[in-house]
Full PDB file with SEQRES, HELIX, SHEET, SSBOND, CRYST1, ORIGX, SCALE, CONECT and MASTER records, all heavy atoms in Angstrom:
SEQRES   1 A   42  LYS VAL LEU LEU LEU GLY VAL LEU GLY ASN GLY PHE PRO          
SEQRES   2 A   42  VAL ASN GLU ALA ASP GLY LYS GLN VAL PHE LEU PHE GLY          
SEQRES   3 A   42  GLY GLY ILE GLY ILE PRO PRO LEU LEU TYR LEU ALA LYS          
SEQRES   4 A   42  THR ILE ALA                                                  
HELIX    1 AA1 VAL A   14  ALA A   17  5                                   4    
HELIX    2 AA2 GLY A   28  GLY A   30  5                                   3    
HELIX    3 AA3 PRO A   33  ILE A   41  1                                   9    
CRYST1    1.000    1.000    1.000  90.00  90.00  90.00 P 1           1          
ORIGX1      1.000000  0.000000  0.000000        0.00000                         
ORIGX2      0.000000  1.000000  0.000000        0.00000                         
ORIGX3      0.000000  0.000000  1.000000        0.00000                         
SCALE1      1.000000  0.000000  0.000000        0.00000                         
SCALE2      0.000000  1.000000  0.000000        0.00000                         
SCALE3      0.000000  0.000000  1.000000        0.00000                         
ATOM      1  N   LYS A   1       0.763  -1.169  -0.002  1.00  0.00           N  
ATOM      2  CA  LYS A   1      -0.041  -0.027   0.034  1.00  0.00           C  
ATOM      3  C   LYS A   1       0.818   1.343   0.013  1.00  0.00           C  
ATOM      4  O   LYS A   1       1.949   1.188   0.533  1.00  0.00           O  
ATOM      5  CB  LYS A   1      -0.926  -0.047   1.184  1.00  0.00           C  
ATOM      6  CG  LYS A   1      -1.906  -1.102   1.163  1.00  0.00           C  
ATOM      7  CD  LYS A   1      -2.751  -1.139   2.458  1.00  0.00           C  
ATOM      8  CE  LYS A   1      -3.762  -2.311   2.411  1.00  0.00           C  
ATOM      9  NZ  LYS A   1      -4.609  -2.353   3.609  1.00  0.00           N  
ATOM     10  N   VAL A   2       0.375   2.286  -0.626  1.00  0.00           N  
ATOM     11  CA  VAL A   2       1.147   3.532  -0.738  1.00  0.00           C  
ATOM     12  C   VAL A   2       0.111   4.666  -0.682  1.00  0.00           C  
ATOM     13  O   VAL A   2      -0.925   4.693  -1.240  1.00  0.00           O  
ATOM     14  CB  VAL A   2       1.970   3.623  -2.052  1.00  0.00           C  
ATOM     15  CG1 VAL A   2       1.151   3.367  -3.264  1.00  0.00           C  
ATOM     16  CG2 VAL A   2       2.723   4.871  -2.105  1.00  0.00           C  
ATOM     17  N   LEU A   3       0.477   5.698   0.248  1.00  0.00           N  
ATOM     18  CA  LEU A   3      -0.332   6.835   0.417  1.00  0.00           C  
ATOM     19  C   LEU A   3       0.046   7.902  -0.659  1.00  0.00           C  
ATOM     20  O   LEU A   3       1.202   8.261  -0.716  1.00  0.00           O  
ATOM     21  CB  LEU A   3      -0.214   7.339   1.776  1.00  0.00           C  
ATOM     22  CG  LEU A   3      -1.141   8.483   2.217  1.00  0.00           C  
ATOM     23  CD1 LEU A   3      -2.635   7.990   2.202  1.00  0.00           C  
ATOM     24  CD2 LEU A   3      -0.883   8.981   3.617  1.00  0.00           C  
ATOM     25  N   LEU A   4      -0.999   8.401  -1.309  1.00  0.00           N  
ATOM     26  CA  LEU A   4      -0.766   9.434  -2.442  1.00  0.00           C  
ATOM     27  C   LEU A   4      -1.575  10.689  -2.161  1.00  0.00           C  
ATOM     28  O   LEU A   4      -2.629  10.607  -1.525  1.00  0.00           O  
ATOM     29  CB  LEU A   4      -1.185   8.817  -3.780  1.00  0.00           C  
ATOM     30  CG  LEU A   4      -0.494   7.533  -4.242  1.00  0.00           C  
ATOM     31  CD1 LEU A   4      -1.311   6.959  -5.430  1.00  0.00           C  
ATOM     32  CD2 LEU A   4       0.983   7.704  -4.461  1.00  0.00           C  
ATOM     33  N   LEU A   5      -1.015  11.781  -2.709  1.00  0.00           N  
ATOM     34  CA  LEU A   5      -1.720  13.078  -2.720  1.00  0.00           C  
ATOM     35  C   LEU A   5      -1.850  13.442  -4.214  1.00  0.00           C  
ATOM     36  O   LEU A   5      -0.865  13.531  -4.905  1.00  0.00           O  
ATOM     37  CB  LEU A   5      -0.978  14.040  -1.951  1.00  0.00           C  
ATOM     38  CG  LEU A   5      -1.641  15.478  -1.920  1.00  0.00           C  
ATOM     39  CD1 LEU A   5      -3.050  15.504  -1.237  1.00  0.00           C  
ATOM     40  CD2 LEU A   5      -0.676  16.477  -1.254  1.00  0.00           C  
ATOM     41  N   GLY A   6      -3.118  13.733  -4.687  1.00  0.00           N  
ATOM     42  CA  GLY A   6      -3.160  14.101  -6.067  1.00  0.00           C  
ATOM     43  C   GLY A   6      -4.610  14.335  -6.503  1.00  0.00           C  
ATOM     44  O   GLY A   6      -5.527  14.199  -5.741  1.00  0.00           O  
ATOM     45  N   VAL A   7      -4.802  14.749  -7.777  1.00  0.00           N  
ATOM     46  CA  VAL A   7      -3.744  14.985  -8.742  1.00  0.00           C  
ATOM     47  C   VAL A   7      -3.247  16.418  -8.546  1.00  0.00           C  
ATOM     48  O   VAL A   7      -4.080  17.282  -8.170  1.00  0.00           O  
ATOM     49  CB  VAL A   7      -4.354  14.795 -10.208  1.00  0.00           C  
ATOM     50  CG1 VAL A   7      -3.270  15.078 -11.177  1.00  0.00           C  
ATOM     51  CG2 VAL A   7      -5.036  13.527 -10.485  1.00  0.00           C  
ATOM     52  N   LEU A   8      -1.980  16.662  -8.745  1.00  0.00           N  
ATOM     53  CA  LEU A   8      -1.347  17.911  -8.450  1.00  0.00           C  
ATOM     54  C   LEU A   8      -0.920  18.613  -9.664  1.00  0.00           C  
ATOM     55  O   LEU A   8      -0.532  17.939 -10.641  1.00  0.00           O  
ATOM     56  CB  LEU A   8      -0.281  17.844  -7.467  1.00  0.00           C  
ATOM     57  CG  LEU A   8      -0.535  17.119  -6.138  1.00  0.00           C  
ATOM     58  CD1 LEU A   8       0.730  16.985  -5.253  1.00  0.00           C  
ATOM     59  CD2 LEU A   8      -1.606  17.868  -5.369  1.00  0.00           C  
ATOM     60  N   GLY A   9      -0.994  19.948  -9.753  1.00  0.00           N  
ATOM     61  CA  GLY A   9      -0.411  20.720 -10.929  1.00  0.00           C  
ATOM     62  C   GLY A   9      -1.430  20.837 -11.981  1.00  0.00           C  
ATOM     63  O   GLY A   9      -2.583  20.369 -12.029  1.00  0.00           O  
ATOM     64  N   ASN A  10      -1.059  21.692 -13.012  1.00  0.00           N  
ATOM     65  CA  ASN A  10      -1.961  22.084 -14.043  1.00  0.00           C  
ATOM     66  C   ASN A  10      -1.832  21.238 -15.343  1.00  0.00           C  
ATOM     67  O   ASN A  10      -2.689  21.096 -16.117  1.00  0.00           O  
ATOM     68  CB  ASN A  10      -1.713  23.597 -14.389  1.00  0.00           C  
ATOM     69  CG  ASN A  10      -0.368  23.899 -14.841  1.00  0.00           C  
ATOM     70  OD1 ASN A  10       0.592  23.070 -14.764  1.00  0.00           O  
ATOM     71  ND2 ASN A  10      -0.132  25.140 -15.354  1.00  0.00           N  
ATOM     72  N   GLY A  11      -0.716  20.696 -15.638  1.00  0.00           N  
ATOM     73  CA  GLY A  11      -0.478  19.868 -16.816  1.00  0.00           C  
ATOM     74  C   GLY A  11      -0.192  20.659 -18.029  1.00  0.00           C  
ATOM     75  O   GLY A  11      -0.283  21.945 -18.079  1.00  0.00           O  
ATOM     76  N   PHE A  12       0.135  20.019 -19.135  1.00  0.00           N  
ATOM     77  CA  PHE A  12       0.445  20.710 -20.434  1.00  0.00           C  
ATOM     78  C   PHE A  12      -0.878  21.018 -21.060  1.00  0.00           C  
ATOM     79  O   PHE A  12      -1.844  20.246 -21.096  1.00  0.00           O  
ATOM     80  CB  PHE A  12       1.315  19.797 -21.323  1.00  0.00           C  
ATOM     81  CG  PHE A  12       2.711  19.641 -20.855  1.00  0.00           C  
ATOM     82  CD1 PHE A  12       3.253  18.543 -20.149  1.00  0.00           C  
ATOM     83  CD2 PHE A  12       3.635  20.662 -21.164  1.00  0.00           C  
ATOM     84  CE1 PHE A  12       4.536  18.413 -19.786  1.00  0.00           C  
ATOM     85  CE2 PHE A  12       4.996  20.528 -20.770  1.00  0.00           C  
ATOM     86  CZ  PHE A  12       5.354  19.431 -20.078  1.00  0.00           C  
ATOM     87  N   PRO A  13      -0.872  22.209 -21.938  1.00  0.00           N  
ATOM     88  CA  PRO A  13      -2.093  22.486 -22.670  1.00  0.00           C  
ATOM     89  C   PRO A  13      -2.049  21.692 -23.941  1.00  0.00           C  
ATOM     90  O   PRO A  13      -1.720  22.324 -25.064  1.00  0.00           O  
ATOM     91  CB  PRO A  13      -1.872  23.986 -22.947  1.00  0.00           C  
ATOM     92  CG  PRO A  13      -0.403  24.185 -22.912  1.00  0.00           C  
ATOM     93  CD  PRO A  13       0.083  23.253 -22.023  1.00  0.00           C  
ATOM     94  N   VAL A  14      -2.405  20.452 -23.932  1.00  0.00           N  
ATOM     95  CA  VAL A  14      -2.345  19.582 -25.097  1.00  0.00           C  
ATOM     96  C   VAL A  14      -3.137  20.052 -26.239  1.00  0.00           C  
ATOM     97  O   VAL A  14      -2.785  19.903 -27.473  1.00  0.00           O  
ATOM     98  CB  VAL A  14      -2.776  18.159 -24.678  1.00  0.00           C  
ATOM     99  CG1 VAL A  14      -2.777  17.174 -25.873  1.00  0.00           C  
ATOM    100  CG2 VAL A  14      -1.889  17.633 -23.522  1.00  0.00           C  
ATOM    101  N   ASN A  15      -4.256  20.644 -26.063  1.00  0.00           N  
ATOM    102  CA  ASN A  15      -5.113  21.156 -27.157  1.00  0.00           C  
ATOM    103  C   ASN A  15      -4.397  22.189 -27.992  1.00  0.00           C  
ATOM    104  O   ASN A  15      -4.692  22.346 -29.207  1.00  0.00           O  
ATOM    105  CB  ASN A  15      -6.372  21.796 -26.597  1.00  0.00           C  
ATOM    106  CG  ASN A  15      -6.160  23.032 -25.669  1.00  0.00           C  
ATOM    107  OD1 ASN A  15      -5.319  22.970 -24.741  1.00  0.00           O  
ATOM    108  ND2 ASN A  15      -6.780  24.095 -25.887  1.00  0.00           N  
ATOM    109  N   GLU A  16      -3.365  22.936 -27.478  1.00  0.00           N  
ATOM    110  CA  GLU A  16      -2.628  23.912 -28.289  1.00  0.00           C  
ATOM    111  C   GLU A  16      -1.768  23.231 -29.241  1.00  0.00           C  
ATOM    112  O   GLU A  16      -1.204  23.933 -30.174  1.00  0.00           O  
ATOM    113  CB  GLU A  16      -1.919  24.868 -27.356  1.00  0.00           C  
ATOM    114  CG  GLU A  16      -2.779  25.708 -26.619  1.00  0.00           C  
ATOM    115  CD  GLU A  16      -2.009  26.936 -26.062  1.00  0.00           C  
ATOM    116  OE1 GLU A  16      -1.015  27.414 -26.660  1.00  0.00           O  
ATOM    117  OE2 GLU A  16      -2.461  27.434 -24.977  1.00  0.00           O  
ATOM    118  N   ALA A  17      -1.548  21.966 -29.186  1.00  0.00           N  
ATOM    119  CA  ALA A  17      -0.738  21.172 -30.154  1.00  0.00           C  
ATOM    120  C   ALA A  17      -1.516  20.717 -31.400  1.00  0.00           C  
ATOM    121  O   ALA A  17      -0.865  20.288 -32.297  1.00  0.00           O  
ATOM    122  CB  ALA A  17      -0.106  20.012 -29.473  1.00  0.00           C  
ATOM    123  N   ASP A  18      -2.738  20.870 -31.378  1.00  0.00           N  
ATOM    124  CA  ASP A  18      -3.668  20.473 -32.483  1.00  0.00           C  
ATOM    125  C   ASP A  18      -3.232  21.034 -33.792  1.00  0.00           C  
ATOM    126  O   ASP A  18      -3.154  22.344 -33.855  1.00  0.00           O  
ATOM    127  CB  ASP A  18      -5.098  20.845 -32.250  1.00  0.00           C  
ATOM    128  CG  ASP A  18      -5.740  19.934 -31.095  1.00  0.00           C  
ATOM    129  OD1 ASP A  18      -5.044  18.982 -30.566  1.00  0.00           O  
ATOM    130  OD2 ASP A  18      -6.775  20.271 -30.667  1.00  0.00           O  
ATOM    131  N   GLY A  19      -2.933  20.232 -34.778  1.00  0.00           N  
ATOM    132  CA  GLY A  19      -2.493  20.731 -36.105  1.00  0.00           C  
ATOM    133  C   GLY A  19      -1.234  21.325 -36.240  1.00  0.00           C  
ATOM    134  O   GLY A  19      -0.935  21.887 -37.285  1.00  0.00           O  
ATOM    135  N   LYS A  20      -0.381  21.232 -35.236  1.00  0.00           N  
ATOM    136  CA  LYS A  20       0.929  21.951 -35.309  1.00  0.00           C  
ATOM    137  C   LYS A  20       2.054  20.951 -35.256  1.00  0.00           C  
ATOM    138  O   LYS A  20       1.903  19.768 -34.837  1.00  0.00           O  
ATOM    139  CB  LYS A  20       0.991  22.850 -34.076  1.00  0.00           C  
ATOM    140  CG  LYS A  20      -0.003  24.006 -34.081  1.00  0.00           C  
ATOM    141  CD  LYS A  20       0.116  24.785 -32.841  1.00  0.00           C  
ATOM    142  CE  LYS A  20      -0.923  25.929 -32.800  1.00  0.00           C  
ATOM    143  NZ  LYS A  20      -0.818  26.724 -31.603  1.00  0.00           N  
ATOM    144  N   GLN A  21       3.248  21.320 -35.702  1.00  0.00           N  
ATOM    145  CA  GLN A  21       4.497  20.656 -35.612  1.00  0.00           C  
ATOM    146  C   GLN A  21       4.963  20.811 -34.167  1.00  0.00           C  
ATOM    147  O   GLN A  21       5.201  21.958 -33.747  1.00  0.00           O  
ATOM    148  CB  GLN A  21       5.550  21.085 -36.561  1.00  0.00           C  
ATOM    149  CG  GLN A  21       6.829  20.345 -36.529  1.00  0.00           C  
ATOM    150  CD  GLN A  21       6.744  18.903 -36.935  1.00  0.00           C  
ATOM    151  OE1 GLN A  21       5.981  18.610 -37.882  1.00  0.00           O  
ATOM    152  NE2 GLN A  21       7.360  18.022 -36.190  1.00  0.00           N  
ATOM    153  N   VAL A  22       5.204  19.766 -33.443  1.00  0.00           N  
ATOM    154  CA  VAL A  22       5.470  19.882 -31.961  1.00  0.00           C  
ATOM    155  C   VAL A  22       6.920  19.323 -31.691  1.00  0.00           C  
ATOM    156  O   VAL A  22       7.256  18.266 -32.254  1.00  0.00           O  
ATOM    157  CB  VAL A  22       4.508  19.021 -31.172  1.00  0.00           C  
ATOM    158  CG1 VAL A  22       4.691  19.294 -29.712  1.00  0.00           C  
ATOM    159  CG2 VAL A  22       3.036  19.402 -31.560  1.00  0.00           C  
ATOM    160  N   PHE A  23       7.635  20.130 -30.899  1.00  0.00           N  
ATOM    161  CA  PHE A  23       8.949  19.633 -30.464  1.00  0.00           C  
ATOM    162  C   PHE A  23       8.670  19.397 -28.935  1.00  0.00           C  
ATOM    163  O   PHE A  23       8.252  20.256 -28.237  1.00  0.00           O  
ATOM    164  CB  PHE A  23      10.068  20.625 -30.659  1.00  0.00           C  
ATOM    165  CG  PHE A  23      10.644  20.620 -31.989  1.00  0.00           C  
ATOM    166  CD1 PHE A  23      10.115  20.026 -32.991  1.00  0.00           C  
ATOM    167  CD2 PHE A  23      11.836  21.360 -32.186  1.00  0.00           C  
ATOM    168  CE1 PHE A  23      10.741  19.995 -34.268  1.00  0.00           C  
ATOM    169  CE2 PHE A  23      12.477  21.497 -33.423  1.00  0.00           C  
ATOM    170  CZ  PHE A  23      11.832  20.713 -34.479  1.00  0.00           C  
ATOM    171  N   LEU A  24       9.038  18.138 -28.494  1.00  0.00           N  
ATOM    172  CA  LEU A  24       9.065  17.911 -27.073  1.00  0.00           C  
ATOM    173  C   LEU A  24      10.536  17.703 -26.655  1.00  0.00           C  
ATOM    174  O   LEU A  24      11.207  17.042 -27.317  1.00  0.00           O  
ATOM    175  CB  LEU A  24       8.280  16.592 -26.811  1.00  0.00           C  
ATOM    176  CG  LEU A  24       6.853  16.558 -27.270  1.00  0.00           C  
ATOM    177  CD1 LEU A  24       6.204  15.116 -26.812  1.00  0.00           C  
ATOM    178  CD2 LEU A  24       6.009  17.668 -26.725  1.00  0.00           C  
ATOM    179  N   PHE A  25      10.838  18.323 -25.499  1.00  0.00           N  
ATOM    180  CA  PHE A  25      12.149  18.283 -24.962  1.00  0.00           C  
ATOM    181  C   PHE A  25      12.155  17.643 -23.509  1.00  0.00           C  
ATOM    182  O   PHE A  25      11.254  18.102 -22.746  1.00  0.00           O  
ATOM    183  CB  PHE A  25      12.846  19.646 -24.869  1.00  0.00           C  
ATOM    184  CG  PHE A  25      13.196  20.262 -26.199  1.00  0.00           C  
ATOM    185  CD1 PHE A  25      12.232  21.039 -26.874  1.00  0.00           C  
ATOM    186  CD2 PHE A  25      14.436  20.124 -26.678  1.00  0.00           C  
ATOM    187  CE1 PHE A  25      12.600  21.642 -28.101  1.00  0.00           C  
ATOM    188  CE2 PHE A  25      14.787  20.677 -27.956  1.00  0.00           C  
ATOM    189  CZ  PHE A  25      13.845  21.443 -28.654  1.00  0.00           C  
ATOM    190  N   GLY A  26      12.935  16.697 -23.256  1.00  0.00           N  
ATOM    191  CA  GLY A  26      13.124  16.140 -21.945  1.00  0.00           C  
ATOM    192  C   GLY A  26      14.527  15.894 -21.570  1.00  0.00           C  
ATOM    193  O   GLY A  26      15.287  15.477 -22.379  1.00  0.00           O  
ATOM    194  N   GLY A  27      14.807  16.200 -20.274  1.00  0.00           N  
ATOM    195  CA  GLY A  27      16.140  15.947 -19.825  1.00  0.00           C  
ATOM    196  C   GLY A  27      16.192  15.225 -18.538  1.00  0.00           C  
ATOM    197  O   GLY A  27      15.436  15.566 -17.521  1.00  0.00           O  
ATOM    198  N   GLY A  28      16.925  14.157 -18.456  1.00  0.00           N  
ATOM    199  CA  GLY A  28      17.040  13.396 -17.131  1.00  0.00           C  
ATOM    200  C   GLY A  28      15.663  12.936 -16.664  1.00  0.00           C  
ATOM    201  O   GLY A  28      14.834  12.291 -17.406  1.00  0.00           O  
ATOM    202  N   ILE A  29      15.326  13.188 -15.450  1.00  0.00           N  
ATOM    203  CA  ILE A  29      14.058  12.779 -14.836  1.00  0.00           C  
ATOM    204  C   ILE A  29      12.889  13.520 -15.243  1.00  0.00           C  
ATOM    205  O   ILE A  29      11.731  13.299 -14.945  1.00  0.00           O  
ATOM    206  CB  ILE A  29      14.238  12.768 -13.246  1.00  0.00           C  
ATOM    207  CG1 ILE A  29      13.250  11.609 -12.748  1.00  0.00           C  
ATOM    208  CG2 ILE A  29      13.943  14.091 -12.742  1.00  0.00           C  
ATOM    209  CD1 ILE A  29      13.605  10.192 -13.219  1.00  0.00           C  
ATOM    210  N   GLY A  30      13.160  14.544 -16.201  1.00  0.00           N  
ATOM    211  CA  GLY A  30      12.086  15.303 -16.815  1.00  0.00           C  
ATOM    212  C   GLY A  30      11.564  14.589 -18.102  1.00  0.00           C  
ATOM    213  O   GLY A  30      10.630  15.036 -18.695  1.00  0.00           O  
ATOM    214  N   ILE A  31      12.234  13.452 -18.425  1.00  0.00           N  
ATOM    215  CA  ILE A  31      11.797  12.698 -19.586  1.00  0.00           C  
ATOM    216  C   ILE A  31      10.419  11.899 -19.264  1.00  0.00           C  
ATOM    217  O   ILE A  31       9.533  11.859 -20.140  1.00  0.00           O  
ATOM    218  CB  ILE A  31      12.804  11.676 -19.987  1.00  0.00           C  
ATOM    219  CG1 ILE A  31      14.045  12.445 -20.562  1.00  0.00           C  
ATOM    220  CG2 ILE A  31      12.341  10.725 -21.070  1.00  0.00           C  
ATOM    221  CD1 ILE A  31      15.259  11.631 -20.886  1.00  0.00           C  
ATOM    222  N   PRO A  32      10.182  11.331 -18.143  1.00  0.00           N  
ATOM    223  CA  PRO A  32       8.963  10.478 -17.929  1.00  0.00           C  
ATOM    224  C   PRO A  32       7.688  11.168 -18.333  1.00  0.00           C  
ATOM    225  O   PRO A  32       6.824  10.600 -18.985  1.00  0.00           O  
ATOM    226  CB  PRO A  32       9.029  10.074 -16.505  1.00  0.00           C  
ATOM    227  CG  PRO A  32      10.538  10.014 -16.169  1.00  0.00           C  
ATOM    228  CD  PRO A  32      11.137  11.118 -16.992  1.00  0.00           C  
ATOM    229  N   PRO A  33       7.425  12.449 -17.964  1.00  0.00           N  
ATOM    230  CA  PRO A  33       6.095  12.982 -18.207  1.00  0.00           C  
ATOM    231  C   PRO A  33       5.880  13.184 -19.779  1.00  0.00           C  
ATOM    232  O   PRO A  33       4.654  13.342 -20.180  1.00  0.00           O  
ATOM    233  CB  PRO A  33       6.101  14.388 -17.587  1.00  0.00           C  
ATOM    234  CG  PRO A  33       7.486  14.659 -17.227  1.00  0.00           C  
ATOM    235  CD  PRO A  33       8.186  13.375 -17.122  1.00  0.00           C  
ATOM    236  N   LEU A  34       6.936  13.154 -20.582  1.00  0.00           N  
ATOM    237  CA  LEU A  34       6.802  13.203 -21.969  1.00  0.00           C  
ATOM    238  C   LEU A  34       6.090  12.051 -22.612  1.00  0.00           C  
ATOM    239  O   LEU A  34       5.396  12.108 -23.695  1.00  0.00           O  
ATOM    240  CB  LEU A  34       8.195  13.444 -22.741  1.00  0.00           C  
ATOM    241  CG  LEU A  34       8.938  14.599 -22.379  1.00  0.00           C  
ATOM    242  CD1 LEU A  34      10.151  14.749 -23.377  1.00  0.00           C  
ATOM    243  CD2 LEU A  34       8.103  15.932 -22.416  1.00  0.00           C  
ATOM    244  N   LEU A  35       6.050  10.892 -21.952  1.00  0.00           N  
ATOM    245  CA  LEU A  35       5.519   9.689 -22.556  1.00  0.00           C  
ATOM    246  C   LEU A  35       3.951   9.911 -22.630  1.00  0.00           C  
ATOM    247  O   LEU A  35       3.298   9.756 -23.632  1.00  0.00           O  
ATOM    248  CB  LEU A  35       5.845   8.392 -21.733  1.00  0.00           C  
ATOM    249  CG  LEU A  35       5.256   7.151 -22.301  1.00  0.00           C  
ATOM    250  CD1 LEU A  35       5.672   6.949 -23.728  1.00  0.00           C  
ATOM    251  CD2 LEU A  35       5.690   6.001 -21.415  1.00  0.00           C  
ATOM    252  N   TYR A  36       3.360  10.306 -21.482  1.00  0.00           N  
ATOM    253  CA  TYR A  36       1.900  10.529 -21.444  1.00  0.00           C  
ATOM    254  C   TYR A  36       1.521  11.612 -22.384  1.00  0.00           C  
ATOM    255  O   TYR A  36       0.448  11.670 -22.955  1.00  0.00           O  
ATOM    256  CB  TYR A  36       1.374  10.648 -20.053  1.00  0.00           C  
ATOM    257  CG  TYR A  36      -0.075  10.541 -19.869  1.00  0.00           C  
ATOM    258  CD1 TYR A  36      -0.875   9.684 -20.712  1.00  0.00           C  
ATOM    259  CD2 TYR A  36      -0.752  11.276 -18.875  1.00  0.00           C  
ATOM    260  CE1 TYR A  36      -2.122   9.466 -20.502  1.00  0.00           C  
ATOM    261  CE2 TYR A  36      -2.131  11.155 -18.767  1.00  0.00           C  
ATOM    262  CZ  TYR A  36      -2.845  10.254 -19.514  1.00  0.00           C  
ATOM    263  OH  TYR A  36      -4.208  10.178 -19.374  1.00  0.00           O  
ATOM    264  N   LEU A  37       2.313  12.718 -22.408  1.00  0.00           N  
ATOM    265  CA  LEU A  37       2.151  13.909 -23.186  1.00  0.00           C  
ATOM    266  C   LEU A  37       2.075  13.463 -24.675  1.00  0.00           C  
ATOM    267  O   LEU A  37       1.214  13.807 -25.422  1.00  0.00           O  
ATOM    268  CB  LEU A  37       3.179  14.903 -23.000  1.00  0.00           C  
ATOM    269  CG  LEU A  37       3.157  16.160 -23.886  1.00  0.00           C  
ATOM    270  CD1 LEU A  37       1.820  16.895 -23.743  1.00  0.00           C  
ATOM    271  CD2 LEU A  37       4.300  17.140 -23.497  1.00  0.00           C  
ATOM    272  N   ALA A  38       3.055  12.673 -25.147  1.00  0.00           N  
ATOM    273  CA  ALA A  38       3.197  12.315 -26.587  1.00  0.00           C  
ATOM    274  C   ALA A  38       1.918  11.394 -26.902  1.00  0.00           C  
ATOM    275  O   ALA A  38       1.374  11.475 -28.013  1.00  0.00           O  
ATOM    276  CB  ALA A  38       4.499  11.640 -26.817  1.00  0.00           C  
ATOM    277  N   LYS A  39       1.667  10.504 -25.960  1.00  0.00           N  
ATOM    278  CA  LYS A  39       0.501   9.622 -26.256  1.00  0.00           C  
ATOM    279  C   LYS A  39      -0.837  10.388 -26.352  1.00  0.00           C  
ATOM    280  O   LYS A  39      -1.705  10.113 -27.200  1.00  0.00           O  
ATOM    281  CB  LYS A  39       0.360   8.600 -25.090  1.00  0.00           C  
ATOM    282  CG  LYS A  39       1.410   7.451 -25.110  1.00  0.00           C  
ATOM    283  CD  LYS A  39       1.264   6.558 -23.995  1.00  0.00           C  
ATOM    284  CE  LYS A  39      -0.011   5.573 -24.286  1.00  0.00           C  
ATOM    285  NZ  LYS A  39      -0.098   4.508 -23.303  1.00  0.00           N  
ATOM    286  N   THR A  40      -0.911  11.430 -25.514  1.00  0.00           N  
ATOM    287  CA  THR A  40      -2.106  12.205 -25.518  1.00  0.00           C  
ATOM    288  C   THR A  40      -2.289  13.088 -26.874  1.00  0.00           C  
ATOM    289  O   THR A  40      -3.295  13.295 -27.345  1.00  0.00           O  
ATOM    290  CB  THR A  40      -2.167  13.194 -24.291  1.00  0.00           C  
ATOM    291  OG1 THR A  40      -2.038  12.330 -23.125  1.00  0.00           O  
ATOM    292  CG2 THR A  40      -3.520  13.988 -24.266  1.00  0.00           C  
ATOM    293  N   ILE A  41      -1.089  13.591 -27.241  1.00  0.00           N  
ATOM    294  CA  ILE A  41      -1.102  14.312 -28.527  1.00  0.00           C  
ATOM    295  C   ILE A  41      -1.501  13.391 -29.659  1.00  0.00           C  
ATOM    296  O   ILE A  41      -2.278  13.809 -30.624  1.00  0.00           O  
ATOM    297  CB  ILE A  41       0.307  15.026 -28.868  1.00  0.00           C  
ATOM    298  CG1 ILE A  41       0.534  16.066 -27.767  1.00  0.00           C  
ATOM    299  CG2 ILE A  41       0.336  15.605 -30.187  1.00  0.00           C  
ATOM    300  CD1 ILE A  41       1.910  16.628 -27.914  1.00  0.00           C  
ATOM    301  N   ALA A  42      -1.013  12.170 -29.695  1.00  0.00           N  
ATOM    302  CA  ALA A  42      -1.349  11.153 -30.582  1.00  0.00           C  
ATOM    303  C   ALA A  42      -1.221  11.553 -32.125  1.00  0.00           C  
ATOM    304  O   ALA A  42      -2.057  11.177 -32.813  1.00  0.00           O  
ATOM    305  CB  ALA A  42      -2.816  10.645 -30.236  1.00  0.00           C  
TER     306      ALA A  42                                                      
MASTER        0    0    0    3    0    0    0    6  305    1    0    4          
END                                                                             
């Protein structure tokens, strides 16, 4: 079992990527959130 607090923060404005060429940048432990972001942009 693990105790969690969430969901926290505002997140990326994914809708603003619609129809656009998108560059995603991730460095080190900043890479993990890009996976869900890229999947959401789809």
